[in-house]
């Protein structure tokens, strides 16, 4: 029975080494085949912006007052060219050369 604890401890050590080798192999495989690494090498700012966006959403920023303000400004910015084109159509000027928004002539 004295051999039993030594056998178990040796088995645990062997399994731990195998687990460490498997983890190292998995890490190397993921690092080598990871497309994010290739994207980051080609366009690091896009990857950082995507990571910041994901962090903002996961951090609960999606339903914050700041997001509501940004969406409001964005919708107003999108609505301005649409309204201008509608005004051009109503005025019968399809090309819109005579109508300028925000500029006084």
Protein backbone atom coordinates (compact mmCIF):
# COMPACT_ATOMS: atom_id res chain seq x y z
CA UNK A 1 0.00 0.00 0.00
CA UNK A 2 3.00 2.31 0.34
CA UNK A 3 3.37 2.35 -3.47
CA UNK A 4 -0.20 3.56 -3.99
CA UNK A 5 0.33 7.26 -3.01
CA UNK A 6 3.51 7.48 -5.14
CA UNK A 7 1.66 6.05 -8.13
CA UNK A 8 -1.22 8.51 -7.68
CA UNK A 9 1.07 11.50 -7.30
CA UNK A 10 3.08 10.47 -10.36
CA UNK A 11 -0.15 10.03 -12.31
CA UNK A 12 -1.31 13.52 -11.25
CA UNK A 13 2.05 15.01 -12.28
CA UNK A 14 1.89 13.27 -15.68
CA UNK A 15 -1.67 14.45 -16.26
CA UNK A 16 -0.73 18.01 -15.26
CA UNK A 17 2.16 18.01 -17.74
CA UNK A 18 -0.10 16.66 -20.48
CA UNK A 19 -2.69 19.32 -19.69
CA UNK A 20 -0.03 22.07 -19.83
CA UNK A 21 1.28 20.73 -23.16
CA UNK A 22 -2.25 20.60 -24.59
CA UNK A 23 -2.97 24.15 -23.42
CA UNK A 24 0.31 25.40 -24.93
CA UNK A 25 -0.49 23.64 -28.22
CA UNK A 26 -4.01 25.11 -28.25
CA UNK A 27 -2.65 28.60 -27.56
CA UNK A 28 -0.10 28.29 -30.39
CA UNK A 29 -2.78 27.03 -32.78
CA UNK A 30 -5.20 29.83 -31.93
CA UNK A 31 -2.46 32.43 -32.18
CA UNK A 32 -1.31 31.13 -35.56
CA UNK A 33 -4.77 30.69 -37.10
CA UNK A 34 -6.54 33.66 -35.48
CA UNK A 35 -7.97 35.98 -38.14
CA UNK A 36 -8.20 38.89 -35.69
CA UNK A 37 -4.43 38.97 -35.47
CA UNK A 38 -4.20 39.28 -39.25
CA UNK A 39 -6.86 42.02 -39.27
CA UNK A 40 -5.01 43.83 -36.52
CA UNK A 41 -1.75 43.73 -38.46
CA UNK A 42 -3.45 45.21 -41.54
CA UNK A 43 -5.80 47.70 -39.88
CA UNK A 44 -5.21 48.16 -36.15
CA UNK A 45 -7.55 51.13 -35.75
CA UNK A 46 -10.54 49.21 -37.08
CA UNK A 47 -9.90 46.36 -34.62
CA UNK A 48 -9.54 48.80 -31.74
CA UNK A 49 -12.73 50.61 -32.75
CA UNK A 50 -14.62 47.31 -32.95
CA UNK A 51 -13.29 46.28 -29.53
CA UNK A 52 -14.32 49.65 -28.07
CA UNK A 53 -17.79 49.27 -29.59
CA UNK A 54 -18.23 45.78 -28.20
CA UNK A 55 -17.01 46.96 -24.81
CA UNK A 56 -19.42 49.90 -24.89
CA UNK A 57 -22.38 47.64 -25.64
CA UNK A 58 -21.38 44.95 -23.13
CA UNK A 59 -20.72 47.63 -20.52
CA UNK A 60 -24.33 48.77 -20.69
CA UNK A 61 -23.75 51.90 -22.72
CA UNK A 62 -26.38 51.01 -25.29
CA UNK A 63 -29.25 52.30 -23.12
CA UNK A 64 -27.50 55.35 -21.68
CA UNK A 65 -28.46 59.01 -22.12
CA UNK A 66 -25.26 59.55 -24.13
CA UNK A 67 -26.37 56.95 -26.69
CA UNK A 68 -29.78 58.58 -26.98
CA UNK A 69 -28.13 61.95 -27.68
CA UNK A 70 -25.79 60.47 -30.28
CA UNK A 71 -28.69 58.72 -32.03
CA UNK A 72 -30.73 61.91 -32.00
CA UNK A 73 -27.89 63.88 -33.60
CA UNK A 74 -27.31 61.11 -36.14
CA UNK A 75 -30.97 60.97 -37.12
CA UNK A 76 -31.11 64.73 -37.52
CA UNK A 77 -27.98 64.61 -39.65
CA UNK A 78 -29.52 61.92 -41.86
CA UNK A 79 -32.85 63.71 -42.07
CA UNK A 80 -31.37 66.96 -43.41
CA UNK A 81 -30.28 65.61 -46.85
CA UNK A 82 -33.53 63.66 -47.17
CA UNK A 83 -35.59 66.75 -46.41
CA UNK A 84 -33.54 68.78 -48.89
CA UNK A 85 -34.14 66.26 -51.66
CA UNK A 86 -37.85 66.24 -50.88
CA UNK A 87 -37.92 70.04 -51.05
CA UNK A 88 -36.15 69.92 -54.42
CA UNK A 89 -38.72 67.49 -55.75
CA UNK A 90 -41.60 69.60 -54.47
CA UNK A 91 -40.11 72.71 -56.03
CA UNK A 92 -39.76 70.88 -59.34
CA UNK A 93 -36.01 71.13 -59.44
CA UNK A 94 -34.76 67.57 -59.73
CA UNK A 95 -31.08 68.52 -59.89
CA UNK A 96 -31.20 70.89 -56.88
CA UNK A 97 -28.60 73.38 -58.15
CA UNK A 98 -30.51 76.39 -56.85
CA UNK A 99 -31.21 75.12 -53.34
CA UNK A 100 -28.43 75.17 -50.78
CA UNK A 101 -28.84 74.36 -47.14
CA UNK A 102 -26.87 76.22 -44.50
CA UNK A 103 -25.29 78.66 -46.96
CA UNK A 104 -26.56 82.12 -47.75
CA UNK A 105 -25.75 83.50 -51.15
